[in-house]
């Protein structure tokens, strides 16, 4: 893979992360308690089971590594650290 291709993928991933951050509340209302696969500033697929989400991407001949995959907690989620 050429450096230009790597830089392009990194930029696209950063844009998707920014989109997720900017739209998090809207996404949380639509996908509470689910894993989401994001690409090109949109949710492509969601599932409550991470392995099932990855399997579905692979069935669609998509590389899961090309997506931002994140868990979207419901509004009652509390993180204890």
Protein backbone atom coordinates (compact mmCIF):
# COMPACT_ATOMS: atom_id res chain seq x y z
CA UNK A 1 0.00 0.00 0.00
CA UNK A 2 1.36 3.39 -0.97
CA UNK A 3 1.77 6.19 1.55
CA UNK A 4 -0.84 8.27 -0.30
CA UNK A 5 -3.42 5.50 0.11
CA UNK A 6 -2.62 5.15 3.81
CA UNK A 7 -2.96 8.89 4.35
CA UNK A 8 -6.27 8.93 2.47
CA UNK A 9 -7.65 6.11 4.66
CA UNK A 10 -6.50 7.85 7.81
CA UNK A 11 -8.16 11.08 6.72
CA UNK A 12 -11.42 9.28 5.91
CA UNK A 13 -11.33 7.52 9.29
CA UNK A 14 -10.77 10.83 11.06
CA UNK A 15 -13.72 12.36 9.19
CA UNK A 16 -15.92 9.44 10.26
CA UNK A 17 -14.81 9.81 13.91
CA UNK A 18 -15.55 13.53 13.77
CA UNK A 19 -18.98 12.80 12.28
CA UNK A 20 -19.69 10.25 15.03
CA UNK A 21 -18.73 12.76 17.70
CA UNK A 22 -20.81 15.56 16.17
CA UNK A 23 -23.86 13.31 15.75
CA UNK A 24 -23.49 11.14 18.84
CA UNK A 25 -26.78 12.09 20.53
CA UNK A 26 -28.79 11.50 17.36
CA UNK A 27 -27.03 8.17 16.79
CA UNK A 28 -27.59 7.18 20.44
CA UNK A 29 -31.33 7.76 20.08
CA UNK A 30 -31.46 5.60 16.95
CA UNK A 31 -29.01 2.83 17.94
CA UNK A 32 -29.03 2.52 21.76
CA UNK A 33 -27.21 -0.55 23.07
CA UNK A 34 -25.86 -1.49 19.65
CA UNK A 35 -22.55 -1.70 17.87
CA UNK A 36 -22.44 0.43 14.74
CA UNK A 37 -20.24 0.26 11.66
CA UNK A 38 -19.60 3.73 10.24
CA UNK A 39 -18.14 4.62 6.86
CA UNK A 40 -18.42 7.76 4.74
CA UNK A 41 -20.13 9.64 7.56
CA UNK A 42 -23.09 7.28 7.92
CA UNK A 43 -24.09 4.21 9.89
CA UNK A 44 -23.85 1.33 7.45
CA UNK A 45 -24.82 -1.49 9.79
CA UNK A 46 -25.78 -2.05 13.44
CA UNK A 47 -26.21 -5.04 15.72
CA UNK A 48 -26.33 -5.78 19.44
CA UNK A 49 -23.67 -8.46 18.90
CA UNK A 50 -20.20 -7.37 17.77
CA UNK A 51 -19.32 -10.72 16.22
CA UNK A 52 -22.58 -10.77 14.26
CA UNK A 53 -21.88 -7.24 12.99
CA UNK A 54 -18.42 -8.26 11.79
CA UNK A 55 -19.78 -11.46 10.23
CA UNK A 56 -22.41 -9.46 8.33
CA UNK A 57 -19.79 -7.04 7.01
CA UNK A 58 -17.70 -9.97 5.82
CA UNK A 59 -20.75 -11.60 4.18
CA UNK A 60 -21.16 -8.33 2.28
CA UNK A 61 -17.50 -8.68 1.24
CA UNK A 62 -16.56 -5.62 3.27
CA UNK A 63 -13.35 -5.40 5.28
CA UNK A 64 -14.31 -4.57 8.90
CA UNK A 65 -10.97 -2.78 9.23
CA UNK A 66 -12.25 -0.15 6.80
CA UNK A 67 -15.04 0.91 9.18
CA UNK A 68 -15.23 2.77 12.46
CA UNK A 69 -16.92 0.24 14.74
CA UNK A 70 -18.15 1.52 18.08
CA UNK A 71 -20.62 0.62 20.81
CA UNK A 72 -23.41 3.12 21.34
CA UNK A 73 -24.65 3.01 24.95
CA UNK A 74 -28.23 3.79 25.82
CA UNK A 75 -29.01 6.97 27.71
CA UNK A 76 -29.00 5.18 31.07
CA UNK A 77 -25.46 3.86 30.60
CA UNK A 78 -23.06 4.75 33.39
CA UNK A 79 -19.34 4.20 32.99
CA UNK A 80 -17.55 3.25 36.20
CA UNK A 81 -13.77 3.48 36.10
